[in-house]
Protein backbone atom coordinates (compact mmCIF):
# COMPACT_ATOMS: atom_id res chain seq x y z
CA UNK A 1 0.13 -0.01 -0.07
CA UNK A 2 0.95 3.57 -0.43
CA UNK A 3 2.64 4.63 2.78
CA UNK A 4 0.62 7.81 2.71
CA UNK A 5 -2.63 6.34 1.75
CA UNK A 6 -3.41 5.49 5.30
CA UNK A 7 -4.81 6.89 8.63
CA UNK A 8 -1.04 7.09 9.49
CA UNK A 9 0.59 8.87 6.58
CA UNK A 10 4.34 9.52 6.78
CA UNK A 11 4.06 13.24 6.15
CA UNK A 12 1.63 13.83 9.15
CA UNK A 13 3.17 16.34 11.56
CA UNK A 14 3.29 14.03 14.48
CA UNK A 15 5.55 11.74 12.49
CA UNK A 16 7.79 14.50 11.40
CA UNK A 17 8.08 15.60 15.01
CA UNK A 18 8.64 12.02 16.17
CA UNK A 19 11.54 11.41 13.55
CA UNK A 20 13.22 14.42 14.83
CA UNK A 21 12.99 13.46 18.55
CA UNK A 22 16.03 11.02 18.09
CA UNK A 23 18.96 11.02 15.75
CA UNK A 24 19.47 8.08 13.50
CA UNK A 25 22.55 7.28 15.59
CA UNK A 26 20.70 7.41 18.69
CA UNK A 27 18.01 5.00 17.55
CA UNK A 28 20.48 2.50 15.99
CA UNK A 29 22.26 2.39 19.30
CA UNK A 30 19.12 0.84 21.04
CA UNK A 31 19.55 -2.80 21.30
CA UNK A 32 16.72 -5.21 20.17
CA UNK A 33 14.39 -6.21 22.99
CA UNK A 34 14.00 -9.82 24.01
CA UNK A 35 10.54 -11.36 24.56
CA UNK A 36 9.92 -13.11 27.83
CA UNK A 37 9.01 -16.78 27.56
CA UNK A 38 7.91 -19.50 29.85
CA UNK A 39 10.66 -21.82 31.49
CA UNK A 40 11.34 -24.72 29.50
CA UNK A 41 10.94 -27.15 32.40
CA UNK A 42 7.34 -25.78 33.19
CA UNK A 43 6.13 -25.24 29.62
CA UNK A 44 6.42 -28.77 28.69
CA UNK A 45 3.92 -29.67 31.37
CA UNK A 46 1.12 -27.59 29.60
CA UNK A 47 -0.13 -25.92 26.54
CA UNK A 48 0.27 -22.32 27.79
CA UNK A 49 1.66 -19.91 25.04
CA UNK A 50 5.42 -19.91 25.42
CA UNK A 51 6.08 -16.41 24.15
CA UNK A 52 4.69 -13.95 26.51
CA UNK A 53 4.61 -10.80 24.44
CA UNK A 54 6.12 -7.46 24.98
CA UNK A 55 5.40 -5.09 27.98
CA UNK A 56 4.32 -1.64 27.32
CA UNK A 57 7.93 -0.33 28.10
CA UNK A 58 9.45 -2.89 25.71
CA UNK A 59 7.04 -1.96 22.83
CA UNK A 60 7.95 1.82 23.35
CA UNK A 61 11.65 1.03 23.19
CA UNK A 62 11.44 -1.29 20.30
CA UNK A 63 9.31 1.08 18.31
CA UNK A 64 11.86 4.00 18.74
CA UNK A 65 14.57 1.75 16.95
CA UNK A 66 12.57 2.19 13.75
CA UNK A 67 14.07 5.02 11.53
CA UNK A 68 10.86 5.60 9.66
CA UNK A 69 12.54 5.24 6.20
CA UNK A 70 11.11 7.43 3.36
CA UNK A 71 11.22 4.28 1.23
CA UNK A 72 10.48 1.39 3.87
CA UNK A 73 12.16 -1.66 2.39
CA UNK A 74 10.59 -3.75 5.32
CA UNK A 75 7.05 -3.35 3.47
CA UNK A 76 8.54 -4.99 0.28
CA UNK A 77 8.87 -8.44 2.38
CA UNK A 78 5.29 -8.35 3.45
CA UNK A 79 2.85 -10.25 1.45
CA UNK A 80 -0.14 -8.38 2.47
CA UNK A 81 1.54 -4.96 2.38
CA UNK A 82 1.19 -3.77 5.92
CA UNK A 83 2.11 -0.29 6.53
CA UNK A 84 4.97 -1.22 8.89
CA UNK A 85 6.34 2.13 9.75
CA UNK A 86 2.90 3.67 10.21
CA UNK A 87 1.80 1.18 12.79
CA UNK A 88 5.14 1.19 14.59
CA UNK A 89 5.23 4.85 14.82
CA UNK A 90 1.90 4.94 16.50
CA UNK A 91 3.32 2.52 19.11
CA UNK A 92 6.31 4.87 19.64
CA UNK A 93 4.08 7.88 20.26
CA UNK A 94 2.07 5.67 22.69
CA UNK A 95 -1.22 5.46 20.37
CA UNK A 96 -1.67 1.76 20.47
CA UNK A 97 -5.19 1.91 19.18
CA UNK A 98 -4.27 3.64 15.92
CA UNK A 99 -1.39 1.24 15.68
CA UNK A 100 -3.93 -1.70 15.58
CA UNK A 101 -6.12 0.23 13.09
CA UNK A 102 -3.29 0.51 10.79
CA UNK A 103 -2.67 -3.18 10.87
CA UNK A 104 -6.22 -3.69 10.14
CA UNK A 105 -6.21 -1.68 6.90
CA UNK A 106 -4.60 -4.55 5.23
CA UNK A 107 -4.48 -7.47 7.60
CA UNK A 108 -7.56 -9.45 8.75
CA UNK A 109 -5.16 -11.59 11.22
CA UNK A 110 -2.64 -9.43 12.68
CA UNK A 111 -2.63 -11.22 16.29
CA UNK A 112 -2.09 -14.38 14.19
CA UNK A 113 0.73 -12.99 11.92
CA UNK A 114 2.57 -11.43 14.90
CA UNK A 115 2.94 -15.02 16.31
CA UNK A 116 3.39 -17.34 13.49
CA UNK A 117 4.71 -15.43 10.39
CA UNK A 118 8.25 -16.01 9.57
CA UNK A 119 9.16 -12.36 9.98
CA UNK A 120 13.00 -13.17 9.89
CA UNK A 121 12.61 -14.30 6.20
CA UNK A 122 10.09 -11.52 5.04
CA UNK A 123 9.76 -8.20 6.60
CA UNK A 124 12.46 -8.18 9.00
CA UNK A 125 15.07 -9.62 6.42
CA UNK A 126 14.30 -6.30 4.44
CA UNK A 127 14.87 -4.04 7.46
CA UNK A 128 17.66 -1.53 6.68
CA UNK A 129 19.34 -2.60 9.99
CA UNK A 130 20.62 -5.65 8.33
CA UNK A 131 22.98 -3.59 6.17
CA UNK A 132 24.60 -2.26 9.26
CA UNK A 133 25.14 -5.60 10.85
CA UNK A 134 22.70 -5.02 13.44
CA UNK A 135 19.46 -7.00 14.46
CA UNK A 136 16.32 -5.86 12.62
CA UNK A 137 13.46 -4.09 14.11
CA UNK A 138 11.26 -6.73 16.01
CA UNK A 139 8.36 -6.16 13.68
CA UNK A 140 6.46 -9.23 14.47
CA UNK A 141 6.87 -8.62 18.21
CA UNK A 142 5.39 -5.04 17.73
CA UNK A 143 2.58 -6.43 15.39
CA UNK A 144 1.54 -8.75 18.14
CA UNK A 145 1.70 -6.08 20.84
CA UNK A 146 -0.59 -3.72 18.88
CA UNK A 147 -3.18 -6.49 18.09
CA UNK A 148 -3.13 -7.89 21.58
CA UNK A 149 -3.55 -4.39 23.05
CA UNK A 150 -6.83 -3.86 21.00
CA UNK A 151 -8.12 -7.22 21.99
CA UNK A 152 -7.20 -7.00 25.69
CA UNK A 153 -8.66 -3.54 25.97
CA UNK A 154 -11.89 -4.46 24.27
CA UNK A 155 -11.23 -1.67 21.80
CA UNK A 156 -13.36 -3.43 19.10
CA UNK A 157 -15.09 -0.13 17.89
CA UNK A 158 -11.99 1.69 17.72
CA UNK A 159 -10.25 -0.81 15.56
CA UNK A 160 -13.12 -1.98 13.29
CA UNK A 161 -13.06 -1.05 9.80
CA UNK A 162 -16.15 0.96 8.94
CA UNK A 163 -18.61 -1.25 7.03
CA UNK A 164 -18.96 -0.42 3.46
CA UNK A 165 -22.35 0.12 1.81
CA UNK A 166 -23.72 -3.32 0.64
CA UNK A 167 -23.63 -3.72 -3.08
CA UNK A 168 -25.95 -6.81 -2.70
CA UNK A 169 -23.51 -9.25 -4.56
CA UNK A 170 -23.09 -12.68 -2.88
CA UNK A 171 -19.56 -14.10 -2.80
CA UNK A 172 -18.88 -17.76 -1.67
CA UNK A 173 -15.59 -18.77 0.16
CA UNK A 174 -14.67 -22.49 0.39
CA UNK A 175 -12.63 -23.04 3.43
CA UNK A 176 -11.81 -21.00 6.46
CA UNK A 177 -8.08 -20.88 6.60
CA UNK A 178 -5.90 -17.76 6.44
CA UNK A 179 -6.39 -17.25 2.65
CA UNK A 180 -9.91 -17.43 3.16
CA UNK A 181 -10.12 -15.18 6.01
CA UNK A 182 -7.99 -12.65 4.43
CA UNK A 183 -10.07 -12.74 1.19
CA UNK A 184 -13.35 -12.52 3.29
CA UNK A 185 -12.11 -9.47 5.18
CA UNK A 186 -11.09 -7.55 2.07
CA UNK A 187 -14.28 -8.38 0.15
CA UNK A 188 -16.71 -7.51 2.87
CA UNK A 189 -14.87 -4.09 3.30
CA UNK A 190 -15.52 -3.63 -0.32
CA UNK A 191 -19.36 -4.11 0.40
CA UNK A 192 -19.85 -7.72 -0.86
CA UNK A 193 -22.01 -10.07 1.04
CA UNK A 194 -19.49 -12.92 1.92
CA UNK A 195 -20.34 -16.42 3.06
CA UNK A 196 -17.68 -18.83 4.21
CA UNK A 197 -18.41 -22.66 4.09
CA UNK A 198 -15.97 -24.84 6.33
CA UNK A 199 -15.88 -28.73 6.05
CA UNK A 200 -14.84 -29.08 9.66
CA UNK A 201 -16.99 -28.26 12.80
CA UNK A 202 -14.75 -25.37 13.71
CA UNK A 203 -13.82 -22.30 11.72
CA UNK A 204 -10.19 -21.57 11.31
CA UNK A 205 -8.69 -24.27 8.94
CA UNK A 206 -5.11 -24.86 9.60
CA UNK A 207 -4.84 -22.23 12.24
CA UNK A 208 -6.96 -24.42 14.52
CA UNK A 209 -5.82 -27.95 13.45
CA UNK A 210 -2.28 -27.31 12.28
CA UNK A 211 -0.79 -25.02 14.80
CA UNK A 212 -0.63 -25.99 18.54
CA UNK A 213 -1.92 -23.64 21.19
CA UNK A 214 1.57 -23.15 22.85
CA UNK A 215 2.26 -21.14 19.74
CA UNK A 216 -1.05 -19.93 18.56
CA UNK A 217 -3.91 -20.00 21.27
CA UNK A 218 -7.33 -20.84 19.95
CA UNK A 219 -8.74 -17.86 21.65
CA UNK A 220 -6.66 -15.49 19.53
CA UNK A 221 -7.82 -17.20 16.26
CA UNK A 222 -11.58 -17.01 17.64
CA UNK A 223 -11.10 -13.29 18.28
CA UNK A 224 -9.88 -12.58 14.83
CA UNK A 225 -12.77 -14.71 13.46
CA UNK A 226 -15.27 -12.75 15.48
CA UNK A 227 -13.95 -9.48 14.15
CA UNK A 228 -14.77 -10.62 10.71
CA UNK A 229 -18.14 -11.81 11.73
CA UNK A 230 -18.83 -8.37 13.17
CA UNK A 231 -17.96 -6.87 10.00
CA UNK A 232 -20.57 -9.01 8.27
CA UNK A 233 -18.97 -12.29 6.97
CA UNK A 234 -21.11 -15.34 7.49
CA UNK A 235 -19.65 -18.77 8.59
CA UNK A 236 -21.15 -22.10 8.22
CA UNK A 237 -19.18 -25.17 9.28
CA UNK A 238 -19.95 -28.79 8.59
CA UNK A 239 -20.31 -28.15 4.70
CA UNK A 240 -18.27 -30.11 2.49
CA UNK A 241 -18.29 -28.22 -0.90
CA UNK A 242 -18.31 -30.91 -3.68
CA UNK A 243 -20.34 -33.22 -1.60
CA UNK A 244 -23.12 -31.72 0.81
CA UNK A 245 -23.04 -28.65 -1.36
CA UNK A 246 -21.91 -28.66 -5.09
CA UNK A 247 -20.59 -25.98 -7.37
CA UNK A 248 -24.05 -25.78 -9.18
CA UNK A 249 -25.62 -25.26 -5.85
CA UNK A 250 -23.72 -22.11 -5.13
CA UNK A 251 -24.32 -20.73 -8.61
CA UNK A 252 -28.04 -21.44 -8.01
CA UNK A 253 -28.02 -19.81 -4.70
CA UNK A 254 -26.95 -16.64 -6.26
CA UNK A 255 -23.30 -16.44 -5.63
CA UNK A 256 -21.46 -14.54 -8.44
CA UNK A 257 -18.02 -15.00 -7.27
CA UNK A 258 -16.50 -18.08 -5.64
CA UNK A 259 -12.94 -18.29 -3.89
CA UNK A 260 -11.57 -21.62 -3.21
CA UNK A 261 -8.83 -22.02 -0.45
CA UNK A 262 -9.60 -25.59 0.75
CA UNK A 263 -6.00 -26.16 1.69
CA UNK A 264 -3.83 -29.26 1.02
CA UNK A 265 -4.99 -31.97 3.40
CA UNK A 266 -4.09 -35.18 1.46
CA UNK A 267 -0.98 -36.62 3.14
CA UNK A 268 2.02 -37.93 1.37
CA UNK A 269 4.08 -41.01 2.30
CA UNK A 270 7.55 -42.14 1.61
CA UNK A 271 6.65 -45.29 -0.10
CA UNK A 272 9.35 -47.36 2.13
CA UNK A 273 8.66 -50.74 3.65
CA UNK A 274 6.68 -50.81 6.86
CA UNK A 275 4.48 -47.71 6.23
CA UNK A 276 1.43 -49.88 6.81
CA UNK A 277 2.47 -51.23 10.35
CA UNK A 278 0.35 -50.24 13.27
CA UNK A 279 1.59 -46.99 14.82
CA UNK A 280 2.53 -45.37 11.48
CA UNK A 281 0.12 -42.57 10.48
CA UNK A 282 0.19 -39.19 8.63
CA UNK A 283 0.77 -36.03 10.57
CA UNK A 284 -2.47 -34.60 9.20
CA UNK A 285 -4.39 -37.25 11.09
CA UNK A 286 -2.46 -36.93 14.19
CA UNK A 287 -2.42 -33.15 14.47
CA UNK A 288 -6.19 -33.05 13.94
CA UNK A 289 -6.77 -35.29 16.75
CA UNK A 290 -4.64 -33.60 19.05
CA UNK A 291 -5.11 -29.87 18.06
CA UNK A 292 -8.79 -29.76 16.91
CA UNK A 293 -10.55 -32.92 18.48
CA UNK A 294 -8.82 -32.73 21.87
CA UNK A 295 -6.88 -35.92 21.96
CA UNK A 296 -4.99 -36.41 25.16
CA UNK A 297 -6.88 -33.83 27.04
CA UNK A 298 -8.62 -34.69 30.33
CA UNK A 299 -12.16 -35.59 29.71
CA UNK A 300 -11.93 -35.72 25.92
CA UNK A 301 -12.73 -39.12 24.19
CA UNK A 302 -10.73 -38.77 20.93
CA UNK A 303 -8.62 -41.86 20.46
CA UNK A 304 -4.93 -41.31 20.24
CA UNK A 305 -1.98 -43.71 20.32
CA UNK A 306 0.45 -43.22 22.93
CA UNK A 307 3.71 -44.89 22.30
CA UNK A 308 7.07 -44.91 24.06
CA UNK A 309 9.15 -44.16 20.98
CA UNK A 310 7.85 -42.15 18.08
CA UNK A 311 9.24 -40.73 14.97
CA UNK A 312 7.84 -38.14 12.75
CA UNK A 313 9.01 -38.09 9.17
CA UNK A 314 9.24 -34.94 7.12
CA UNK A 315 11.18 -32.04 5.92
CA UNK A 316 8.90 -29.12 4.73
CA UNK A 317 6.67 -26.59 6.31
CA UNK A 318 3.96 -29.00 6.78
CA UNK A 319 5.40 -31.53 9.29
CA UNK A 320 2.69 -32.45 11.83
CA UNK A 321 1.96 -32.51 15.40
CA UNK A 322 2.41 -35.52 17.42
CA UNK A 323 1.73 -36.44 21.02
CA UNK A 324 2.77 -39.62 22.70
CA UNK A 325 3.98 -40.86 26.04
CA UNK A 326 7.64 -42.13 25.99
CA UNK A 327 10.13 -41.77 23.32
CA UNK A 328 9.47 -39.78 20.06
CA UNK A 329 11.34 -39.32 16.90
CA UNK A 330 10.21 -36.40 14.64
CA UNK A 331 11.59 -36.59 11.14
CA UNK A 332 11.47 -33.33 9.40
CA UNK A 333 12.97 -29.98 9.70
CA UNK A 334 10.06 -27.64 9.06
CA UNK A 335 8.07 -25.34 11.57
CA UNK A 336 5.30 -28.04 11.96
CA UNK A 337 7.92 -30.69 12.64
CA UNK A 338 9.27 -28.57 15.48
CA UNK A 339 5.68 -28.17 16.69
CA UNK A 340 5.40 -31.93 16.63
CA UNK A 341 8.14 -32.84 18.69
CA UNK A 342 7.28 -29.91 21.22
CA UNK A 343 3.70 -31.15 21.46
CA UNK A 344 5.08 -34.71 22.10
CA UNK A 345 7.07 -33.33 25.09
CA UNK A 346 3.92 -31.77 26.49
CA UNK A 347 2.17 -35.09 26.14
CA UNK A 348 4.70 -36.80 28.44
CA UNK A 349 7.15 -38.12 26.05
CA UNK A 350 10.55 -38.70 27.65
CA UNK A 351 12.78 -39.00 24.53
CA UNK A 352 12.08 -36.94 21.54
CA UNK A 353 14.02 -36.90 18.32
CA UNK A 354 14.04 -34.74 15.16
CA UNK A 355 15.20 -36.64 12.16
CA UNK A 356 16.00 -34.64 9.11
CA UNK A 357 17.96 -35.61 6.09
CA UNK A 358 19.84 -32.32 5.65
CA UNK A 359 21.99 -30.51 8.08
CA UNK A 360 20.56 -28.07 10.77
CA UNK A 361 21.72 -25.08 8.53
CA UNK A 362 19.23 -26.16 5.72
CA UNK A 363 16.17 -26.60 8.08
CA UNK A 364 13.28 -24.45 6.82
CA UNK A 365 12.07 -24.10 10.28
CA UNK A 366 12.18 -20.71 11.96
CA UNK A 367 15.04 -20.04 14.27
CA UNK A 368 13.07 -19.48 17.14
CA UNK A 369 11.25 -22.96 16.69
CA UNK A 370 14.40 -24.85 16.55
CA UNK A 371 15.75 -22.99 19.66
CA UNK A 372 12.61 -23.58 21.52
CA UNK A 373 12.64 -27.35 20.63
CA UNK A 374 16.27 -27.65 21.92
CA UNK A 375 15.39 -25.83 25.16
CA UNK A 376 12.56 -28.34 25.68
CA UNK A 377 14.98 -31.35 25.41
CA UNK A 378 14.51 -32.39 21.70
CA UNK A 379 17.49 -34.27 20.39
CA UNK A 380 18.36 -33.51 16.61
CA UNK A 381 19.42 -36.31 14.28
CA UNK A 382 20.35 -34.41 11.30
CA UNK A 383 21.70 -35.94 8.09
CA UNK A 384 19.52 -39.09 8.40
CA UNK A 385 16.78 -40.42 6.54
CA UNK A 386 14.44 -43.38 7.11
CA UNK A 387 14.67 -46.44 4.75
CA UNK A 388 12.44 -49.05 6.53
CA UNK A 389 10.24 -49.53 9.59
CA UNK A 390 10.32 -52.73 11.48
CA UNK A 391 7.39 -54.36 13.42
CA UNK A 392 6.96 -56.69 16.31
CA UNK A 393 5.05 -59.86 16.41
CA UNK A 394 1.81 -57.92 16.62
CA UNK A 395 2.29 -55.88 13.62
CA UNK A 396 3.01 -52.73 15.53
CA UNK A 397 6.03 -50.47 14.61
CA UNK A 398 9.15 -51.07 16.98
CA UNK A 399 12.14 -49.51 15.25
CA UNK A 400 13.16 -47.55 12.15
CA UNK A 401 16.33 -47.90 10.15
CA UNK A 402 18.06 -44.67 9.27
CA UNK A 403 20.40 -44.08 6.48
CA UNK A 404 23.21 -41.57 7.25
CA UNK A 405 23.43 -38.89 4.89
CA UNK A 406 25.86 -36.33 3.64
CA UNK A 407 25.43 -33.15 1.72
CA UNK A 408 26.48 -33.30 -1.93
CA UNK A 409 25.97 -30.78 -4.86
CA UNK A 410 23.46 -28.00 -4.42
CA UNK A 411 19.95 -28.68 -6.12
CA UNK A 412 17.96 -26.29 -8.40
CA UNK A 413 17.17 -24.08 -5.37
CA UNK A 414 20.61 -23.79 -4.31
CA UNK A 415 20.23 -26.13 -1.47
CA UNK A 416 22.97 -28.98 -1.26
CA UNK A 417 21.36 -32.23 -1.91
CA UNK A 418 21.63 -34.98 0.56
CA UNK A 419 23.16 -38.30 -0.62
CA UNK A 420 23.44 -41.52 1.10
CA UNK A 421 26.81 -42.77 2.94
CA UNK A 422 27.02 -46.19 1.50
CA UNK A 423 26.55 -48.79 4.08
CA UNK A 424 25.98 -46.50 7.06
CA UNK A 425 22.45 -47.50 8.40
CA UNK A 426 21.41 -47.27 12.02
CA UNK A 427 18.58 -48.83 13.80
CA UNK A 428 16.48 -46.74 16.17
CA UNK A 429 13.74 -48.16 18.50
CA UNK A 430 10.39 -46.40 18.01
CA UNK A 431 6.83 -47.10 19.05
CA UNK A 432 5.15 -44.59 16.86
CA UNK A 433 5.93 -42.87 13.42
CA UNK A 434 4.30 -39.83 12.20
CA UNK A 435 4.87 -39.37 8.52
CA UNK A 436 5.02 -35.62 7.66
CA UNK A 437 6.80 -35.36 4.25
CA UNK A 438 4.49 -33.01 2.70
CA UNK A 439 0.79 -32.68 1.60
CA UNK A 440 -1.31 -32.59 -1.56
CA UNK A 441 -4.66 -30.91 -2.36
CA UNK A 442 -7.64 -32.87 -1.60
CA UNK A 443 -8.95 -33.86 -5.04
CA UNK A 444 -12.62 -33.38 -4.04
CA UNK A 445 -13.17 -29.95 -5.41
CA UNK A 446 -10.95 -30.22 -8.58
CA UNK A 447 -12.94 -33.53 -9.55
CA UNK A 448 -16.31 -31.94 -8.96
CA UNK A 449 -15.98 -28.69 -10.79
CA UNK A 450 -16.27 -29.28 -14.65
CA UNK A 451 -13.45 -27.24 -16.69
CA UNK A 452 -11.27 -26.63 -13.49
CA UNK A 453 -7.68 -27.16 -14.81
CA UNK A 454 -5.09 -28.69 -12.32
CA UNK A 455 -1.48 -29.43 -12.35
CA UNK A 456 0.01 -32.92 -12.22
CA UNK A 457 0.44 -32.38 -8.37
CA UNK A 458 -3.32 -31.88 -8.02
CA UNK A 459 -3.14 -28.10 -7.42
CA UNK A 460 -5.41 -25.74 -8.95
CA UNK A 461 -4.09 -23.80 -12.00
CA UNK A 462 -4.77 -19.98 -11.24
CA UNK A 463 -3.36 -16.96 -12.84
CA UNK A 464 -0.30 -15.68 -11.16
CA UNK A 465 -1.55 -12.04 -11.02
CA UNK A 466 -5.27 -12.42 -10.44
CA UNK A 467 -5.54 -16.11 -9.03
CA UNK A 468 -8.61 -16.52 -11.38
CA UNK A 469 -8.88 -20.19 -12.39
CA UNK A 470 -10.02 -21.66 -15.78
CA UNK A 471 -13.47 -21.45 -14.64
CA UNK A 472 -14.89 -17.87 -14.90
CA UNK A 473 -15.25 -15.98 -11.68
CA UNK A 474 -13.85 -18.85 -9.80
CA UNK A 475 -10.65 -17.89 -7.92
CA UNK A 476 -8.34 -19.91 -5.91
CA UNK A 477 -5.41 -19.40 -3.36
CA UNK A 478 -3.34 -20.77 -0.46
CA UNK A 479 -2.29 -24.34 -0.23
CA UNK A 480 -4.86 -25.57 -3.04
CA UNK A 481 -2.80 -23.54 -5.53
CA UNK A 482 0.63 -23.44 -3.82
CA UNK A 483 0.66 -27.00 -2.48
CA UNK A 484 1.98 -25.90 0.86
CA UNK A 485 2.89 -22.45 2.16
CA UNK A 486 3.01 -20.20 5.20
CA UNK A 487 0.08 -18.35 6.75
CA UNK A 488 1.25 -15.04 5.45
CA UNK A 489 1.61 -16.06 2.01
CA UNK A 490 -1.94 -17.67 1.86
CA UNK A 491 -3.20 -14.44 3.23
CA UNK A 492 -1.36 -12.56 0.45
CA UNK A 493 -3.29 -14.85 -2.02
CA UNK A 494 -6.56 -13.91 -0.43
CA UNK A 495 -5.75 -10.16 -0.77
CA UNK A 496 -4.70 -10.53 -4.51
CA UNK A 497 -7.78 -12.55 -5.34
CA UNK A 498 -10.04 -10.20 -3.60
CA UNK A 499 -8.74 -7.30 -5.36
CA UNK A 500 -8.89 -9.08 -8.75
CA UNK A 501 -12.56 -10.33 -8.23
CA UNK A 502 -13.61 -7.06 -7.23
CA UNK A 503 -12.27 -5.54 -10.52
CA UNK A 504 -13.81 -8.26 -12.59
CA UNK A 505 -17.18 -7.82 -10.89
CA UNK A 506 -16.98 -4.01 -11.38
CA UNK A 507 -16.34 -4.40 -15.01
CA UNK A 508 -19.16 -6.76 -15.55
CA UNK A 509 -21.48 -4.32 -13.82
CA UNK A 510 -20.38 -1.39 -15.97
């Protein structure tokens, strides 16, 4: 967004005064704040949020580090184009409500993004501080602070976006994850009548079933959803589009535009011997049982296997959450692989392993996630890859055979490709294996909409700029298009699709 097209324009008198209150040298001399977190020995006994947030004083200090650059490069790293200097400078002057309002100009989920977005690879990686060898401004921490302030102070009216005059045009949204919520937020602000259909019994998609509460509490997600509901978005759970409600049904009900963001929930496996043994399952199944269905919680009836030795197999951002009782191995190096092993510790596992076929330096997980996992007693078995699972006389997994790897030549992405070390195989006892080697889109929607083009991977083909599919006025985004991505990238898809659909509908109405 234009840094001046906002409630917090850079040329405002108060921002000019604020810039002059400290020299650049003075601001750059301030060290980056450290967020308080729960003690590792305590936090593995519960599901409380680990990161505790910034105090008022910390937020004021950290915000004063921002130089309010005339051409803020930090914004180029944000997929939803948040006016980063605009909200940070409002924090610096102590106007936390306006800081939250600036966030809401472009983001439907600021409290979520402040917690789970990989700022170190996006906005913070573009901060000018990086060129000086200093730590970047803690943009994510400050985003969380402003969003939490608005929620905790019940400042709903102050941060609500004024409702647009209804244009009477009905829009359907399939799925209720971050792409859908971002899309719905933008469309309702443009005056459309937006209806979100969710297959599961709770709204939130991957924010509910894929991210544990010690990283993203459910009440935070629920609050953000409630803000959208207050703005006029309708939500209906327990509707499987493609089964209980067809594409033709949506058209007959008068929906003129449809946005599909049904995610990628079809698990992949490695196709190695032993994957059908008892105790081997996908991360999708396990994390849904634990995070969404309450498996392992007192008083909940959802069944969950509790083994003594568990392995989670994976490597991308979609490694899943597991929870068992004794010894656990998590195979994968992504954020959700870290979530998995950390969940296992909270479920009472005595030994937890991360098994990853590359080195730690190649892990796609956030640095913070890796750090927290180590603090919580997780052992990292890098440069190892499973080749077989072994079972006991009852057909239950008892061990995994790991091939030791070494890094060879870089692949197409520049990452060094792992290659086996001939004859170097180790056997590790396990009671549970959670396979988290990636996901594919559920084929239900692509297979039930005539004319909808898909890739060989099962993802929906969508125009890169507009996200419109081969079916007119049907747009798609998030994992159903990308095949697996971060929350913030999915949100960016939702915003682009909303802008494009609005343009298309406006042209049709001329």
